[in-house]
Amino acid sequence: MKHLIFAGNWKMNHAPADAAAFVRDFLAHYQRMKDRTIILFPPALTLPAVVHGLKERNDIQIGVQNIHWEDKGAFTGENSAAIARGAGAKYALVGHSERRHLFGETDAETRKKVGAAFRAGLIPVLCVGETLIQRERGETNDVVLRQLRAGIEGLDGQHVSQMVVAYEPVWAIGTGKNATPTDANDVHTVLRDTLRQATERVGGVPILYGGSVSLANVQALVSQPEVDGVLVGGASLDAGGWHSMVTTKQG
């Protein structure tokens, strides 16, 4: 049996009061499961409400959706990894497709953010994925490996082995389309081969799939041998639906 990761990225949803209600509803039904880790990524201003709501549940982890690569300074509107860690986060998304394609985050910036996360004691979740045009051109493997190698450049094997990687095909995010479980597994296999070379460990880095994950496809996805869990967007916003998803049995 694999150890699964179910990560919920709330994006720009759930104000503090809404988040507190979500946590109450979720905890009323969710009992600790030893074969999986649950991570919630609320908006930055909502983070304290989630931390407070989960203070008695160390089996559920908390992350931030973005960090700046500098440790401190005159960067109005940004949050450092150290601030996120001090506020109660354990994980940080790096290079999410929306950060790359809406806000222009580059491979070089993801590299710096991964480093900043490690300096502050956060676990980076490095996101990689191709656009529809790149997929149709047969460039999927080239794109995701370029993004992966950029994100881990300069790290030793020990640090790489502490990361999480998420494959999120851009064309499948919020569109209702998704890679088939076999498609996802094939890309994860390519990513794992590179991670194995970087860490000299077999299967040491969890690789999640993200892209229109739903109750209809989650079991088929996590049943794939190279899929260690899922990074979920819209389907993580409802406490009842999220409970159903994170209690999915391994196939």
Protein backbone atom coordinates (compact mmCIF):
# COMPACT_ATOMS: atom_id res chain seq x y z
CA MET A 1 0.00 0.00 0.00
CA LYS A 2 1.31 3.46 -0.94
CA HIS A 3 1.24 6.44 1.37
CA LEU A 4 -1.08 8.86 -0.42
CA ILE A 5 -1.15 12.65 -0.33
CA PHE A 6 -4.38 14.59 -0.84
CA ALA A 7 -3.63 18.29 -1.25
CA GLY A 8 -6.42 20.86 -1.54
CA ASN A 9 -5.54 24.19 -3.17
CA TRP A 10 -8.29 26.64 -2.34
CA LYS A 11 -6.84 29.32 -4.65
CA MET A 12 -8.62 32.67 -4.04
CA ASN A 13 -11.58 31.18 -2.17
CA HIS A 14 -12.76 30.95 1.46
CA ALA A 15 -12.50 33.98 3.71
CA PRO A 16 -11.47 33.24 7.33
CA ALA A 17 -15.03 32.64 8.56
CA ASP A 18 -15.77 30.33 5.63
CA ALA A 19 -12.55 28.43 6.25
CA ALA A 20 -13.35 28.01 9.94
CA ALA A 21 -16.73 26.55 9.03
CA PHE A 22 -15.11 24.24 6.47
CA VAL A 23 -12.64 22.92 9.03
CA ARG A 24 -15.38 22.31 11.61
CA ASP A 25 -17.52 20.43 9.08
CA PHE A 26 -14.59 18.39 7.79
CA LEU A 27 -13.28 17.42 11.22
CA ALA A 28 -16.75 16.35 12.31
CA HIS A 29 -16.47 13.44 9.87
CA TYR A 30 -12.80 12.81 9.10
CA GLN A 31 -10.89 10.35 11.25
CA ARG A 32 -7.12 9.99 10.96
CA MET A 33 -6.03 7.52 8.26
CA LYS A 34 -2.48 6.21 8.60
CA ASP A 35 -1.95 5.55 4.90
CA ARG A 36 -2.38 9.17 3.78
CA THR A 37 -1.46 12.79 4.40
CA ILE A 38 -3.97 15.64 4.02
CA ILE A 39 -2.71 19.13 3.15
CA LEU A 40 -4.77 22.31 2.81
CA PHE A 41 -3.50 25.37 0.94
CA PRO A 42 -5.73 28.31 1.94
CA PRO A 43 -5.25 31.93 0.84
CA ALA A 44 -2.60 33.74 2.89
CA LEU A 45 -5.07 35.89 4.86
CA THR A 46 -7.12 32.79 5.69
CA LEU A 47 -4.14 30.75 6.89
CA PRO A 48 -4.46 31.72 10.61
CA ALA A 49 -8.09 30.59 10.73
CA VAL A 50 -7.14 27.19 9.31
CA VAL A 51 -4.16 26.87 11.67
CA HIS A 52 -6.43 27.63 14.62
CA GLY A 53 -9.10 25.18 13.49
CA LEU A 54 -6.58 22.36 13.08
CA LYS A 55 -4.55 22.98 16.25
CA GLU A 56 -5.60 19.62 17.71
CA ARG A 57 -5.14 17.69 14.45
CA ASN A 58 -1.48 17.31 13.55
CA ASP A 59 -2.41 14.64 11.01
CA ILE A 60 -3.68 17.42 8.70
CA GLN A 61 -0.99 19.71 7.32
CA ILE A 62 -1.17 23.30 6.08
CA GLY A 63 0.60 25.04 3.24
CA VAL A 64 0.77 28.39 1.46
CA GLN A 65 0.03 28.95 -2.20
CA ASN A 66 3.04 31.13 -2.93
CA ILE A 67 6.19 32.58 -1.36
CA HIS A 68 8.74 35.21 -2.32
CA TRP A 69 12.30 34.03 -2.87
CA GLU A 70 13.84 36.69 -0.63
CA ASP A 71 13.86 36.14 3.13
CA LYS A 72 12.83 39.73 3.91
CA GLY A 73 12.79 43.17 2.34
CA ALA A 74 10.78 45.87 0.58
CA PHE A 75 8.41 43.61 -1.37
CA THR A 76 4.96 45.04 -0.68
CA GLY A 77 2.21 42.44 -0.94
CA GLU A 78 4.55 39.46 -0.78
CA ASN A 79 5.11 36.86 1.94
CA SER A 80 8.42 35.20 2.69
CA ALA A 81 8.88 31.52 3.43
CA ALA A 82 9.92 32.45 6.97
CA ILE A 83 6.69 34.41 7.52
CA ALA A 84 4.68 31.48 6.18
CA ARG A 85 6.50 29.07 8.47
CA GLY A 86 5.97 31.37 11.44
CA ALA A 87 2.25 31.56 10.65
CA GLY A 88 1.93 27.79 10.82
CA ALA A 89 2.57 26.52 7.29
CA LYS A 90 4.60 23.38 6.63
CA TYR A 91 4.37 23.26 2.82
CA ALA A 92 4.59 25.81 -0.01
CA LEU A 93 3.37 25.52 -3.58
CA VAL A 94 6.05 26.61 -6.05
CA GLY A 95 5.51 27.17 -9.75
CA HIS A 96 1.78 26.46 -9.85
CA SER A 97 0.53 26.84 -13.41
CA GLU A 98 -1.45 29.97 -12.52
CA ARG A 99 1.68 31.57 -11.05
CA ARG A 100 3.60 30.66 -14.21
CA HIS A 101 1.00 31.61 -16.81
CA LEU A 102 -0.98 34.41 -15.16
CA PHE A 103 1.80 36.07 -13.17
CA GLY A 104 4.79 35.24 -15.34
CA GLU A 105 6.75 33.16 -12.85
CA THR A 106 9.85 31.79 -14.54
CA ASP A 107 11.85 28.61 -14.08
CA ALA A 108 14.62 30.72 -12.53
CA GLU A 109 12.18 32.12 -9.97
CA THR A 110 10.88 28.67 -9.07
CA ARG A 111 14.48 27.64 -8.38
CA LYS A 112 14.92 30.54 -5.99
CA LYS A 113 11.59 29.84 -4.29
CA VAL A 114 12.49 26.20 -3.71
CA GLY A 115 15.70 27.36 -2.06
CA ALA A 116 13.83 29.89 0.07
CA ALA A 117 11.39 27.22 1.21
CA PHE A 118 14.19 24.97 2.39
CA ARG A 119 15.95 27.82 4.20
CA ALA A 120 12.80 28.47 6.21
CA GLY A 121 12.03 24.82 6.94
CA LEU A 122 9.12 24.52 4.51
CA ILE A 123 8.58 21.57 2.18
CA PRO A 124 8.29 22.83 -1.42
CA VAL A 125 5.66 21.30 -3.69
CA LEU A 126 7.12 21.97 -7.13
CA CYS A 127 4.47 22.09 -9.85
CA VAL A 128 5.25 21.25 -13.47
CA GLY A 129 3.05 20.88 -16.54
CA GLU A 130 2.60 21.55 -20.22
CA THR A 131 0.09 23.66 -22.17
CA LEU A 132 -2.28 22.19 -24.75
CA ILE A 133 -0.13 23.49 -27.61
CA GLN A 134 2.97 21.91 -26.11
CA ARG A 135 1.13 18.64 -25.63
CA GLU A 136 -0.13 18.62 -29.22
CA ARG A 137 3.43 19.21 -30.41
CA GLY A 138 4.64 16.19 -28.47
CA GLU A 139 6.69 18.37 -26.10
CA THR A 140 5.20 17.20 -22.80
CA ASN A 141 8.24 15.33 -21.52
CA ASP A 142 10.65 18.07 -22.58
CA VAL A 143 8.59 20.76 -20.83
CA VAL A 144 8.04 18.97 -17.53
CA LEU A 145 11.66 17.83 -17.31
CA ARG A 146 12.92 21.34 -18.03
CA GLN A 147 10.73 22.72 -15.25
CA LEU A 148 11.73 19.94 -12.86
CA ARG A 149 15.45 20.29 -13.51
CA ALA A 150 15.25 24.05 -13.11
CA GLY A 151 13.44 23.68 -9.79
CA ILE A 152 15.98 21.27 -8.30
CA GLU A 153 19.11 22.81 -9.81
CA GLY A 154 21.82 23.27 -7.21
CA LEU A 155 20.15 21.03 -4.61
CA ASP A 156 21.82 17.97 -3.19
CA GLY A 157 20.08 14.61 -3.20
CA GLN A 158 19.03 14.91 0.43
CA HIS A 159 17.08 18.11 -0.21
CA VAL A 160 15.49 16.80 -3.40
CA SER A 161 14.33 13.70 -1.54
CA GLN A 162 12.43 15.94 0.91
CA MET A 163 10.35 17.64 -1.80
CA VAL A 164 6.99 16.90 -3.33
CA VAL A 165 6.41 17.24 -7.09
CA ALA A 166 3.02 17.83 -8.71
CA TYR A 167 2.30 17.21 -12.39
CA GLU A 168 -0.52 19.49 -13.48
CA PRO A 169 -1.16 19.67 -17.23
CA VAL A 170 -2.19 23.28 -17.81
CA TRP A 171 -4.85 22.28 -20.33
CA ALA A 172 -6.62 20.19 -17.68
CA ILE A 173 -6.84 22.73 -14.86
CA GLY A 174 -10.34 24.05 -14.27
CA THR A 175 -11.47 22.92 -17.72
CA GLY A 176 -13.25 19.70 -16.81
CA LYS A 177 -10.72 17.88 -18.99
CA ASN A 178 -8.13 15.69 -17.41
CA ALA A 179 -5.31 13.44 -18.43
CA THR A 180 -6.32 9.80 -18.31
CA PRO A 181 -4.87 7.83 -15.42
CA THR A 182 -2.53 6.13 -17.88
CA ASP A 183 -1.43 9.49 -19.32
CA ALA A 184 -0.69 10.77 -15.83
CA ASN A 185 1.20 7.62 -14.90
CA ASP A 186 3.36 7.87 -18.04
CA VAL A 187 4.45 11.44 -17.23
CA HIS A 188 5.01 10.54 -13.58
CA THR A 189 7.29 7.71 -14.72
CA VAL A 190 9.42 10.17 -16.70
CA LEU A 191 9.59 12.54 -13.73
CA ARG A 192 10.46 9.74 -11.31
CA ASP A 193 13.36 8.55 -13.46
CA THR A 194 14.93 12.02 -13.23
CA LEU A 195 14.23 12.29 -9.51
CA ARG A 196 15.78 8.88 -8.95
CA GLN A 197 18.96 10.07 -10.65
CA ALA A 198 18.98 13.23 -8.53
CA THR A 199 18.42 11.48 -5.21
CA GLU A 200 19.92 8.05 -5.89
CA ARG A 201 16.80 6.67 -4.24
CA VAL A 202 14.04 4.60 -5.78
CA GLY A 203 10.61 6.19 -5.51
CA GLY A 204 11.68 8.57 -2.78
CA VAL A 205 9.86 11.73 -3.92
CA PRO A 206 6.04 11.80 -3.90
CA ILE A 207 4.55 12.84 -7.24
CA LEU A 208 0.98 14.16 -7.27
CA TYR A 209 -1.39 14.64 -10.18
CA GLY A 210 -3.40 17.84 -10.50
CA GLY A 211 -5.90 18.83 -13.17
CA SER A 212 -9.70 18.55 -12.87
CA VAL A 213 -9.46 15.87 -10.20
CA SER A 214 -12.92 14.81 -9.07
CA LEU A 215 -14.71 12.07 -7.18
CA ALA A 216 -15.32 10.42 -10.54
CA ASN A 217 -11.65 9.94 -11.36
CA VAL A 218 -9.67 10.15 -8.12
CA GLN A 219 -9.62 6.43 -7.34
CA ALA A 220 -8.45 5.53 -10.83
CA LEU A 221 -5.69 8.14 -10.56
CA VAL A 222 -4.33 7.13 -7.15
CA SER A 223 -4.46 3.48 -8.18
CA GLN A 224 -1.78 4.10 -10.80
CA PRO A 225 1.60 2.80 -9.62
CA GLU A 226 3.47 6.10 -10.10
CA VAL A 227 0.74 8.44 -8.79
CA ASP A 228 1.26 9.14 -5.09
CA GLY A 229 -1.71 11.42 -4.62
CA VAL A 230 -3.56 14.39 -6.04
CA LEU A 231 -3.45 18.19 -5.99
CA VAL A 232 -7.08 19.28 -6.09
CA GLY A 233 -8.56 22.69 -6.88
CA GLY A 234 -12.30 23.31 -7.06
CA ALA A 235 -13.25 19.89 -5.72
CA SER A 236 -11.50 20.71 -2.43
CA LEU A 237 -13.74 23.66 -1.57
CA ASP A 238 -16.72 21.75 -0.19
CA ALA A 239 -16.10 20.00 3.12
CA GLY A 240 -18.39 17.07 2.38
CA GLY A 241 -17.01 16.48 -1.07
CA TRP A 242 -13.45 16.85 0.20
CA HIS A 243 -14.13 14.25 2.89
CA SER A 244 -15.41 11.83 0.26
CA MET A 245 -12.33 12.41 -1.85
CA VAL A 246 -9.68 12.08 0.84
CA THR A 247 -11.22 8.85 2.16
CA THR A 248 -11.02 7.23 -1.27
CA LYS A 249 -9.77 3.66 -0.96
CA GLN A 250 -6.64 2.60 -2.76
CA GLY A 251 -7.46 0.39 -5.72
